[in-house]
Amino acid sequence: MIEKAIESVDAVETRIGRAIRELRIDAGYSQDELADRTSLSRSAIQSLETGAGSRLATVIRVLRALDRLDVLDDLTPRIGPTPMELLQAERRGRTADAPRVRR
């Protein structure tokens, strides 16, 4: 069995920073312009793009300003029944697409 190499946190931050830099450039914004659109400092934008450490709120504000919150779609909860709700419904003989009822 071949083990998958695990990227360090620093490497992931750097990769995300590069991707956000590309999104900014593709959108036609300078770092100063993006800073103005997000009410962040230019140094916050620079830190994010270089992978020097940023808050999640900074990432969200930048992606929102770039109209690219869609890149977080894989991280957001699915709409619909949870796996446990599907299992419980199956055990009760109901269909998986039965509507969810919140209590």
PDB file of N, CA and C in Angstrom:
ATOM      1  N   MET A   1       0.844  -1.176   0.000  1.00  0.00           N
ATOM      2  CA  MET A   1       0.000   0.000   0.000  1.00  0.00           C
ATOM      3  C   MET A   1       0.890   1.241   0.000  1.00  0.00           C
ATOM      4  N   ILE A   2       0.629   2.157  -0.914  1.00  0.00           N
ATOM      5  CA  ILE A   2       1.409   3.381  -1.005  1.00  0.00           C
ATOM      6  C   ILE A   2       0.712   4.470  -0.202  1.00  0.00           C
ATOM      7  N   GLU A   3       1.469   5.083   0.734  1.00  0.00           N
ATOM      8  CA  GLU A   3       0.895   6.160   1.534  1.00  0.00           C
ATOM      9  C   GLU A   3       0.940   7.456   0.766  1.00  0.00           C
ATOM     10  N   LYS A   4      -0.129   8.208   0.893  1.00  0.00           N
ATOM     11  CA  LYS A   4      -0.209   9.512   0.254  1.00  0.00           C
ATOM     12  C   LYS A   4       0.611  10.491   1.094  1.00  0.00           C
ATOM     13  N   ALA A   5       1.448  11.276   0.423  1.00  0.00           N
ATOM     14  CA  ALA A   5       2.241  12.272   1.132  1.00  0.00           C
ATOM     15  C   ALA A   5       1.313  13.327   1.717  1.00  0.00           C
ATOM     16  N   ILE A   6       1.588  13.699   2.946  1.00  0.00           N
ATOM     17  CA  ILE A   6       0.771  14.700   3.616  1.00  0.00           C
ATOM     18  C   ILE A   6       1.451  16.051   3.500  1.00  0.00           C
ATOM     19  N   GLU A   7       0.713  17.011   2.932  1.00  0.00           N
ATOM     20  CA  GLU A   7       1.225  18.364   2.786  1.00  0.00           C
ATOM     21  C   GLU A   7       1.244  19.050   4.144  1.00  0.00           C
ATOM     22  N   SER A   8       2.275  19.828   4.375  1.00  0.00           N
ATOM     23  CA  SER A   8       2.318  20.600   5.614  1.00  0.00           C
ATOM     24  C   SER A   8       1.286  21.715   5.551  1.00  0.00           C
ATOM     25  N   VAL A   9       0.929  22.242   6.699  1.00  0.00           N
ATOM     26  CA  VAL A   9      -0.017  23.357   6.752  1.00  0.00           C
ATOM     27  C   VAL A   9       0.541  24.541   5.971  1.00  0.00           C
ATOM     28  N   ASP A  10       1.835  24.801   6.110  1.00  0.00           N
ATOM     29  CA  ASP A  10       2.463  25.905   5.378  1.00  0.00           C
ATOM     30  C   ASP A  10       2.332  25.719   3.872  1.00  0.00           C
ATOM     31  N   ALA A  11       2.509  24.499   3.409  1.00  0.00           N
ATOM     32  CA  ALA A  11       2.409  24.227   1.973  1.00  0.00           C
ATOM     33  C   ALA A  11       0.978  24.439   1.478  1.00  0.00           C
ATOM     34  N   VAL A  12       0.003  24.037   2.282  1.00  0.00           N
ATOM     35  CA  VAL A  12      -1.397  24.228   1.902  1.00  0.00           C
ATOM     36  C   VAL A  12      -1.720  25.721   1.864  1.00  0.00           C
ATOM     37  N   GLU A  13      -1.261  26.461   2.879  1.00  0.00           N
ATOM     38  CA  GLU A  13      -1.490  27.912   2.894  1.00  0.00           C
ATOM     39  C   GLU A  13      -0.869  28.580   1.671  1.00  0.00           C
ATOM     40  N   THR A  14       0.319  28.154   1.306  1.00  0.00           N
ATOM     41  CA  THR A  14       0.990  28.715   0.133  1.00  0.00           C
ATOM     42  C   THR A  14       0.203  28.412  -1.131  1.00  0.00           C
ATOM     43  N   ARG A  15      -0.274  27.182  -1.253  1.00  0.00           N
ATOM     44  CA  ARG A  15      -1.051  26.786  -2.431  1.00  0.00           C
ATOM     45  C   ARG A  15      -2.354  27.574  -2.524  1.00  0.00           C
ATOM     46  N   ILE A  16      -3.035  27.745  -1.398  1.00  0.00           N
ATOM     47  CA  ILE A  16      -4.280  28.522  -1.380  1.00  0.00           C
ATOM     48  C   ILE A  16      -3.989  29.979  -1.717  1.00  0.00           C
ATOM     49  N   GLY A  17      -2.920  30.510  -1.169  1.00  0.00           N
ATOM     50  CA  GLY A  17      -2.539  31.895  -1.448  1.00  0.00           C
ATOM     51  C   GLY A  17      -2.276  32.135  -2.925  1.00  0.00           C
ATOM     52  N   ARG A  18      -1.564  31.209  -3.541  1.00  0.00           N
ATOM     53  CA  ARG A  18      -1.312  31.329  -4.986  1.00  0.00           C
ATOM     54  C   ARG A  18      -2.602  31.290  -5.789  1.00  0.00           C
ATOM     55  N   ALA A  19      -3.509  30.410  -5.391  1.00  0.00           N
ATOM     56  CA  ALA A  19      -4.781  30.302  -6.100  1.00  0.00           C
ATOM     57  C   ALA A  19      -5.587  31.593  -5.962  1.00  0.00           C
ATOM     58  N   ILE A  20      -5.608  32.165  -4.770  1.00  0.00           N
ATOM     59  CA  ILE A  20      -6.339  33.412  -4.562  1.00  0.00           C
ATOM     60  C   ILE A  20      -5.687  34.550  -5.338  1.00  0.00           C
ATOM     61  N   ARG A  21      -4.366  34.567  -5.398  1.00  0.00           N
ATOM     62  CA  ARG A  21      -3.667  35.580  -6.197  1.00  0.00           C
ATOM     63  C   ARG A  21      -4.090  35.477  -7.664  1.00  0.00           C
ATOM     64  N   GLU A  22      -4.153  34.255  -8.185  1.00  0.00           N
ATOM     65  CA  GLU A  22      -4.584  34.056  -9.574  1.00  0.00           C
ATOM     66  C   GLU A  22      -6.022  34.532  -9.779  1.00  0.00           C
ATOM     67  N   LEU A  23      -6.904  34.253  -8.815  1.00  0.00           N
ATOM     68  CA  LEU A  23      -8.286  34.710  -8.918  1.00  0.00           C
ATOM     69  C   LEU A  23      -8.347  36.241  -8.938  1.00  0.00           C
ATOM     70  N   ARG A  24      -7.536  36.879  -8.091  1.00  0.00           N
ATOM     71  CA  ARG A  24      -7.498  38.346  -8.044  1.00  0.00           C
ATOM     72  C   ARG A  24      -7.036  38.916  -9.374  1.00  0.00           C
ATOM     73  N   ILE A  25      -5.964  38.359  -9.904  1.00  0.00           N
ATOM     74  CA  ILE A  25      -5.421  38.847 -11.178  1.00  0.00           C
ATOM     75  C   ILE A  25      -6.422  38.616 -12.304  1.00  0.00           C
ATOM     76  N   ASP A  26      -7.043  37.432 -12.323  1.00  0.00           N
ATOM     77  CA  ASP A  26      -8.059  37.141 -13.341  1.00  0.00           C
ATOM     78  C   ASP A  26      -9.232  38.117 -13.269  1.00  0.00           C
ATOM     79  N   ALA A  27      -9.555  38.572 -12.048  1.00  0.00           N
ATOM     80  CA  ALA A  27     -10.654  39.518 -11.867  1.00  0.00           C
ATOM     81  C   ALA A  27     -10.230  40.947 -12.220  1.00  0.00           C
ATOM     82  N   GLY A  28      -8.932  41.143 -12.414  1.00  0.00           N
ATOM     83  CA  GLY A  28      -8.442  42.461 -12.822  1.00  0.00           C
ATOM     84  C   GLY A  28      -8.225  43.441 -11.686  1.00  0.00           C
ATOM     85  N   TYR A  29      -8.024  42.949 -10.476  1.00  0.00           N
ATOM     86  CA  TYR A  29      -7.818  43.827  -9.326  1.00  0.00           C
ATOM     87  C   TYR A  29      -6.356  43.848  -8.904  1.00  0.00           C
ATOM     88  N   SER A  30      -5.904  45.015  -8.487  1.00  0.00           N
ATOM     89  CA  SER A  30      -4.602  45.109  -7.824  1.00  0.00           C
ATOM     90  C   SER A  30      -4.826  44.720  -6.363  1.00  0.00           C
ATOM     91  N   GLN A  31      -3.757  44.523  -5.632  1.00  0.00           N
ATOM     92  CA  GLN A  31      -3.903  44.218  -4.210  1.00  0.00           C
ATOM     93  C   GLN A  31      -4.580  45.377  -3.485  1.00  0.00           C
ATOM     94  N   ASP A  32      -4.240  46.604  -3.860  1.00  0.00           N
ATOM     95  CA  ASP A  32      -4.860  47.779  -3.243  1.00  0.00           C
ATOM     96  C   ASP A  32      -6.366  47.819  -3.515  1.00  0.00           C
ATOM     97  N   GLU A  33      -6.752  47.539  -4.756  1.00  0.00           N
ATOM     98  CA  GLU A  33      -8.177  47.557  -5.105  1.00  0.00           C
ATOM     99  C   GLU A  33      -8.938  46.471  -4.349  1.00  0.00           C
ATOM    100  N   LEU A  34      -8.354  45.291  -4.248  1.00  0.00           N
ATOM    101  CA  LEU A  34      -9.017  44.216  -3.517  1.00  0.00           C
ATOM    102  C   LEU A  34      -9.099  44.555  -2.034  1.00  0.00           C
ATOM    103  N   ALA A  35      -8.062  45.156  -1.511  1.00  0.00           N
ATOM    104  CA  ALA A  35      -8.085  45.589  -0.108  1.00  0.00           C
ATOM    105  C   ALA A  35      -9.231  46.567   0.122  1.00  0.00           C
ATOM    106  N   ASP A  36      -9.419  47.525  -0.781  1.00  0.00           N
ATOM    107  CA  ASP A  36     -10.524  48.481  -0.669  1.00  0.00           C
ATOM    108  C   ASP A  36     -11.879  47.777  -0.733  1.00  0.00           C
ATOM    109  N   ARG A  37     -12.023  46.824  -1.637  1.00  0.00           N
ATOM    110  CA  ARG A  37     -13.301  46.114  -1.811  1.00  0.00           C
ATOM    111  C   ARG A  37     -13.656  45.251  -0.599  1.00  0.00           C
ATOM    112  N   THR A  38     -12.642  44.832   0.151  1.00  0.00           N
ATOM    113  CA  THR A  38     -12.867  43.929   1.282  1.00  0.00           C
ATOM    114  C   THR A  38     -12.758  44.618   2.633  1.00  0.00           C
ATOM    115  N   SER A  39     -12.396  45.886   2.627  1.00  0.00           N
ATOM    116  CA  SER A  39     -12.136  46.630   3.873  1.00  0.00           C
ATOM    117  C   SER A  39     -11.025  45.978   4.679  1.00  0.00           C
ATOM    118  N   LEU A  40     -10.079  45.393   3.973  1.00  0.00           N
ATOM    119  CA  LEU A  40      -8.885  44.815   4.596  1.00  0.00           C
ATOM    120  C   LEU A  40      -7.689  45.675   4.221  1.00  0.00           C
ATOM    121  N   SER A  41      -6.594  45.485   4.912  1.00  0.00           N
ATOM    122  CA  SER A  41      -5.373  46.203   4.555  1.00  0.00           C
ATOM    123  C   SER A  41      -4.677  45.492   3.403  1.00  0.00           C
ATOM    124  N   ARG A  42      -3.842  46.233   2.712  1.00  0.00           N
ATOM    125  CA  ARG A  42      -3.064  45.623   1.634  1.00  0.00           C
ATOM    126  C   ARG A  42      -2.161  44.524   2.200  1.00  0.00           C
ATOM    127  N   SER A  43      -1.627  44.747   3.402  1.00  0.00           N
ATOM    128  CA  SER A  43      -0.758  43.733   3.996  1.00  0.00           C
ATOM    129  C   SER A  43      -1.521  42.446   4.303  1.00  0.00           C
ATOM    130  N   ALA A  44      -2.818  42.554   4.612  1.00  0.00           N
ATOM    131  CA  ALA A  44      -3.623  41.347   4.834  1.00  0.00           C
ATOM    132  C   ALA A  44      -3.765  40.569   3.536  1.00  0.00           C
ATOM    133  N   ILE A  45      -3.961  41.290   2.431  1.00  0.00           N
ATOM    134  CA  ILE A  45      -4.054  40.639   1.122  1.00  0.00           C
ATOM    135  C   ILE A  45      -2.720  39.991   0.773  1.00  0.00           C
ATOM    136  N   GLN A  46      -1.636  40.704   1.011  1.00  0.00           N
ATOM    137  CA  GLN A  46      -0.304  40.162   0.728  1.00  0.00           C
ATOM    138  C   GLN A  46      -0.038  38.908   1.561  1.00  0.00           C
ATOM    139  N   SER A  47      -0.378  38.954   2.835  1.00  0.00           N
ATOM    140  CA  SER A  47      -0.166  37.789   3.707  1.00  0.00           C
ATOM    141  C   SER A  47      -0.947  36.583   3.219  1.00  0.00           C
ATOM    142  N   LEU A  48      -2.184  36.825   2.816  1.00  0.00           N
ATOM    143  CA  LEU A  48      -3.013  35.741   2.298  1.00  0.00           C
ATOM    144  C   LEU A  48      -2.390  35.146   1.043  1.00  0.00           C
ATOM    145  N   GLU A  49      -1.973  36.005   0.120  1.00  0.00           N
ATOM    146  CA  GLU A  49      -1.443  35.525  -1.158  1.00  0.00           C
ATOM    147  C   GLU A  49      -0.083  34.840  -1.028  1.00  0.00           C
ATOM    148  N   THR A  50       0.675  35.175  -0.022  1.00  0.00           N
ATOM    149  CA  THR A  50       1.989  34.542   0.145  1.00  0.00           C
ATOM    150  C   THR A  50       1.934  33.344   1.082  1.00  0.00           C
ATOM    151  N   GLY A  51       0.759  33.070   1.633  1.00  0.00           N
ATOM    152  CA  GLY A  51       0.637  31.936   2.542  1.00  0.00           C
ATOM    153  C   GLY A  51       1.263  32.197   3.890  1.00  0.00           C
ATOM    154  N   ALA A  52       1.345  33.463   4.257  1.00  0.00           N
ATOM    155  CA  ALA A  52       1.982  33.840   5.512  1.00  0.00           C
ATOM    156  C   ALA A  52       1.043  33.734   6.700  1.00  0.00           C
ATOM    157  N   GLY A  53      -0.111  33.156   6.491  1.00  0.00           N
ATOM    158  CA  GLY A  53      -1.064  32.989   7.576  1.00  0.00           C
ATOM    159  C   GLY A  53      -2.162  34.023   7.489  1.00  0.00           C
ATOM    160  N   SER A  54      -3.379  33.577   7.472  1.00  0.00           N
ATOM    161  CA  SER A  54      -4.534  34.458   7.401  1.00  0.00           C
ATOM    162  C   SER A  54      -5.680  33.826   8.154  1.00  0.00           C
ATOM    163  N   ARG A  55      -6.590  34.662   8.569  1.00  0.00           N
ATOM    164  CA  ARG A  55      -7.798  34.172   9.222  1.00  0.00           C
ATOM    165  C   ARG A  55      -8.772  33.668   8.169  1.00  0.00           C
ATOM    166  N   LEU A  56      -9.609  32.737   8.549  1.00  0.00           N
ATOM    167  CA  LEU A  56     -10.631  32.221   7.645  1.00  0.00           C
ATOM    168  C   LEU A  56     -11.558  33.349   7.204  1.00  0.00           C
ATOM    169  N   ALA A  57     -11.847  34.284   8.099  1.00  0.00           N
ATOM    170  CA  ALA A  57     -12.706  35.422   7.754  1.00  0.00           C
ATOM    171  C   ALA A  57     -12.098  36.232   6.611  1.00  0.00           C
ATOM    172  N   THR A  58     -10.778  36.352   6.593  1.00  0.00           N
ATOM    173  CA  THR A  58     -10.101  37.075   5.519  1.00  0.00           C
ATOM    174  C   THR A  58     -10.299  36.352   4.196  1.00  0.00           C
ATOM    175  N   VAL A  59     -10.130  35.043   4.209  1.00  0.00           N
ATOM    176  CA  VAL A  59     -10.312  34.243   2.994  1.00  0.00           C
ATOM    177  C   VAL A  59     -11.745  34.418   2.475  1.00  0.00           C
ATOM    178  N   ILE A  60     -12.718  34.342   3.357  1.00  0.00           N
ATOM    179  CA  ILE A  60     -14.116  34.463   2.955  1.00  0.00           C
ATOM    180  C   ILE A  60     -14.398  35.844   2.385  1.00  0.00           C
ATOM    181  N   ARG A  61     -13.901  36.888   3.030  1.00  0.00           N
ATOM    182  CA  ARG A  61     -14.133  38.251   2.536  1.00  0.00           C
ATOM    183  C   ARG A  61     -13.522  38.443   1.150  1.00  0.00           C
ATOM    184  N   VAL A  62     -12.316  37.912   0.957  1.00  0.00           N
ATOM    185  CA  VAL A  62     -11.655  38.049  -0.338  1.00  0.00           C
ATOM    186  C   VAL A  62     -12.407  37.273  -1.408  1.00  0.00           C
ATOM    187  N   LEU A  63     -12.780  36.035  -1.120  1.00  0.00           N
ATOM    188  CA  LEU A  63     -13.518  35.238  -2.108  1.00  0.00           C
ATOM    189  C   LEU A  63     -14.864  35.871  -2.430  1.00  0.00           C
ATOM    190  N   ARG A  64     -15.519  36.454  -1.438  1.00  0.00           N
ATOM    191  CA  ARG A  64     -16.800  37.138  -1.685  1.00  0.00           C
ATOM    192  C   ARG A  64     -16.582  38.336  -2.605  1.00  0.00           C
ATOM    193  N   ALA A  65     -15.547  39.122  -2.360  1.00  0.00           N
ATOM    194  CA  ALA A  65     -15.259  40.297  -3.194  1.00  0.00           C
ATOM    195  C   ALA A  65     -14.924  39.890  -4.623  1.00  0.00           C
ATOM    196  N   LEU A  66     -14.329  38.718  -4.785  1.00  0.00           N
ATOM    197  CA  LEU A  66     -13.995  38.215  -6.117  1.00  0.00           C
ATOM    198  C   LEU A  66     -15.151  37.441  -6.744  1.00  0.00           C
ATOM    199  N   ASP A  67     -16.272  37.389  -6.042  1.00  0.00           N
ATOM    200  CA  ASP A  67     -17.443  36.634  -6.484  1.00  0.00           C
ATOM    201  C   ASP A  67     -17.087  35.172  -6.758  1.00  0.00           C
ATOM    202  N   ARG A  68     -16.308  34.588  -5.838  1.00  0.00           N
ATOM    203  CA  ARG A  68     -15.847  33.210  -6.003  1.00  0.00           C
ATOM    204  C   ARG A  68     -16.050  32.374  -4.739  1.00  0.00           C
ATOM    205  N   LEU A  69     -17.088  32.655  -3.986  1.00  0.00           N
ATOM    206  CA  LEU A  69     -17.386  31.814  -2.820  1.00  0.00           C
ATOM    207  C   LEU A  69     -17.647  30.370  -3.220  1.00  0.00           C
ATOM    208  N   ASP A  70     -17.910  30.160  -4.510  1.00  0.00           N
ATOM    209  CA  ASP A  70     -18.167  28.803  -4.994  1.00  0.00           C
ATOM    210  C   ASP A  70     -16.998  27.862  -4.742  1.00  0.00           C
ATOM    211  N   VAL A  71     -15.795  28.393  -4.585  1.00  0.00           N
ATOM    212  CA  VAL A  71     -14.648  27.508  -4.354  1.00  0.00           C
ATOM    213  C   VAL A  71     -14.738  26.815  -2.994  1.00  0.00           C
ATOM    214  N   LEU A  72     -15.612  27.292  -2.134  1.00  0.00           N
ATOM    215  CA  LEU A  72     -15.793  26.667  -0.823  1.00  0.00           C
ATOM    216  C   LEU A  72     -16.930  25.645  -0.804  1.00  0.00           C
ATOM    217  N   ASP A  73     -17.577  25.432  -1.936  1.00  0.00           N
ATOM    218  CA  ASP A  73     -18.745  24.548  -1.988  1.00  0.00           C
ATOM    219  C   ASP A  73     -18.475  23.155  -1.428  1.00  0.00           C
ATOM    220  N   ASP A  74     -17.303  22.622  -1.666  1.00  0.00           N
ATOM    221  CA  ASP A  74     -17.008  21.275  -1.171  1.00  0.00           C
ATOM    222  C   ASP A  74     -16.888  21.229   0.352  1.00  0.00           C
ATOM    223  N   LEU A  75     -16.734  22.394   0.976  1.00  0.00           N
ATOM    224  CA  LEU A  75     -16.589  22.444   2.429  1.00  0.00           C
ATOM    225  C   LEU A  75     -17.896  22.699   3.158  1.00  0.00           C
ATOM    226  N   THR A  76     -18.923  23.092   2.427  1.00  0.00           N
ATOM    227  CA  THR A  76     -20.189  23.428   3.066  1.00  0.00           C
ATOM    228  C   THR A  76     -21.077  22.199   3.171  1.00  0.00           C
ATOM    229  N   PRO A  77     -21.936  22.185   4.192  1.00  0.00           N
ATOM    230  CA  PRO A  77     -22.805  21.021   4.378  1.00  0.00           C
ATOM    231  C   PRO A  77     -23.738  20.808   3.189  1.00  0.00           C
ATOM    232  N   ARG A  78     -24.012  19.543   2.930  1.00  0.00           N
ATOM    233  CA  ARG A  78     -24.949  19.201   1.866  1.00  0.00           C
ATOM    234  C   ARG A  78     -26.358  19.542   2.301  1.00  0.00           C
ATOM    235  N   ILE A  79     -27.203  19.832   1.328  1.00  0.00           N
ATOM    236  CA  ILE A  79     -28.616  20.045   1.603  1.00  0.00           C
ATOM    237  C   ILE A  79     -29.299  18.696   1.419  1.00  0.00           C
ATOM    238  N   GLY A  80     -30.124  18.350   2.343  1.00  0.00           N
ATOM    239  CA  GLY A  80     -30.819  17.083   2.257  1.00  0.00           C
ATOM    240  C   GLY A  80     -30.556  16.246   3.489  1.00  0.00           C
ATOM    241  N   PRO A  81     -31.028  15.034   3.467  1.00  0.00           N
ATOM    242  CA  PRO A  81     -30.865  14.183   4.638  1.00  0.00           C
ATOM    243  C   PRO A  81     -29.397  13.845   4.897  1.00  0.00           C
ATOM    244  N   THR A  82     -29.057  13.750   6.175  1.00  0.00           N
ATOM    245  CA  THR A  82     -27.715  13.336   6.551  1.00  0.00           C
ATOM    246  C   THR A  82     -27.594  11.824   6.347  1.00  0.00           C
ATOM    247  N   PRO A  83     -26.383  11.293   6.313  1.00  0.00           N
ATOM    248  CA  PRO A  83     -26.232   9.838   6.193  1.00  0.00           C
ATOM    249  C   PRO A  83     -26.963   9.072   7.296  1.00  0.00           C
ATOM    250  N   MET A  84     -26.951   9.615   8.510  1.00  0.00           N
ATOM    251  CA  MET A  84     -27.662   8.935   9.608  1.00  0.00           C
ATOM    252  C   MET A  84     -29.170   8.966   9.385  1.00  0.00           C
ATOM    253  N   GLU A  85     -29.695  10.077   8.877  1.00  0.00           N
ATOM    254  CA  GLU A  85     -31.127  10.156   8.595  1.00  0.00           C
ATOM    255  C   GLU A  85     -31.515   9.185   7.485  1.00  0.00           C
ATOM    256  N   LEU A  86     -30.664   9.042   6.486  1.00  0.00           N
ATOM    257  CA  LEU A  86     -30.929   8.074   5.411  1.00  0.00           C
ATOM    258  C   LEU A  86     -30.975   6.652   5.966  1.00  0.00           C
ATOM    259  N   LEU A  87     -30.024   6.328   6.826  1.00  0.00           N
ATOM    260  CA  LEU A  87     -29.980   4.990   7.427  1.00  0.00           C
ATOM    261  C   LEU A  87     -31.215   4.729   8.279  1.00  0.00           C
ATOM    262  N   GLN A  88     -31.588   5.707   9.088  1.00  0.00           N
ATOM    263  CA  GLN A  88     -32.774   5.545   9.938  1.00  0.00           C
ATOM    264  C   GLN A  88     -34.032   5.386   9.084  1.00  0.00           C
ATOM    265  N   ALA A  89     -34.134   6.170   8.016  1.00  0.00           N
ATOM    266  CA  ALA A  89     -35.302   6.071   7.133  1.00  0.00           C
ATOM    267  C   ALA A  89     -35.347   4.702   6.472  1.00  0.00           C
ATOM    268  N   GLU A  90     -34.179   4.209   6.055  1.00  0.00           N
ATOM    269  CA  GLU A  90     -34.110   2.892   5.420  1.00  0.00           C
ATOM    270  C   GLU A  90     -34.552   1.808   6.400  1.00  0.00           C
ATOM    271  N   ARG A  91     -34.138   1.932   7.629  1.00  0.00           N
ATOM    272  CA  ARG A  91     -34.515   0.950   8.643  1.00  0.00           C
ATOM    273  C   ARG A  91     -36.015   0.985   8.940  1.00  0.00           C
ATOM    274  N   ARG A  92     -36.616   2.150   8.787  1.00  0.00           N
ATOM    275  CA  ARG A  92     -38.059   2.281   9.023  1.00  0.00           C
ATOM    276  C   ARG A  92     -38.855   1.979   7.758  1.00  0.00           C
ATOM    277  N   GLY A  93     -38.166   1.717   6.631  1.00  0.00           N
ATOM    278  CA  GLY A  93     -38.834   1.367   5.398  1.00  0.00           C
ATOM    279  C   GLY A  93     -39.302   2.559   4.585  1.00  0.00           C
ATOM    280  N   ARG A  94     -38.823   3.752   4.917  1.00  0.00           N
ATOM    281  CA  ARG A  94     -39.198   4.938   4.148  1.00  0.00           C
ATOM    282  C   ARG A  94     -38.195   5.143   3.036  1.00  0.00           C
ATOM    283  N   THR A  95     -38.556   5.956   2.075  1.00  0.00           N
ATOM    284  CA  THR A  95     -37.634   6.241   0.977  1.00  0.00           C
ATOM    285  C   THR A  95     -36.611   7.276   1.429  1.00  0.00           C
ATOM    286  N   ALA A  96     -35.468   7.247   0.763  1.00  0.00           N
ATOM    287  CA  ALA A  96     -34.370   8.141   1.122  1.00  0.00           C
ATOM    288  C   ALA A  96     -34.705   9.600   0.827  1.00  0.00           C
ATOM    289  N   ASP A  97     -35.605   9.870  -0.095  1.00  0.00           N
ATOM    290  CA  ASP A  97     -35.906  11.245  -0.423  1.00  0.00           C
ATOM    291  C   ASP A  97     -37.074  11.801   0.395  1.00  0.00           C
ATOM    292  N   ALA A  98     -37.417  11.126   1.472  1.00  0.00           N
ATOM    293  CA  ALA A  98     -38.465  11.631   2.347  1.00  0.00           C
ATOM    294  C   ALA A  98     -38.037  12.985   2.914  1.00  0.00           C
ATOM    295  N   PRO A  99     -38.972  13.916   3.034  1.00  0.00           N
ATOM    296  CA  PRO A  99     -38.602  15.245   3.509  1.00  0.00           C
ATOM    297  C   PRO A  99     -38.068  15.216   4.938  1.00  0.00           C
ATOM    298  N   ARG A 100     -37.108  16.107   5.182  1.00  0.00           N
ATOM    299  CA  ARG A 100     -36.550  16.235   6.526  1.00  0.00           C
ATOM    300  C   ARG A 100     -37.472  17.088   7.373  1.00  0.00           C
ATOM    301  N   VAL A 101     -37.634  16.686   8.594  1.00  0.00           N
ATOM    302  CA  VAL A 101     -38.448  17.458   9.539  1.00  0.00           C
ATOM    303  C   VAL A 101     -37.539  17.888  10.657  1.00  0.00           C
ATOM    304  N   ARG A 102     -37.435  19.201  10.848  1.00  0.00           N
ATOM    305  CA  ARG A 102     -36.618  19.743  11.941  1.00  0.00           C
ATOM    306  C   ARG A 102     -37.507  19.913  13.180  1.00  0.00           C
ATOM    307  N   ARG A 103     -36.936  19.601  14.297  1.00  0.00           N
ATOM    308  CA  ARG A 103     -37.693  19.751  15.558  1.00  0.00           C
ATOM    309  C   ARG A 103     -37.157  20.904  16.343  1.00  0.00           C
TER     310      ARG A 103
END
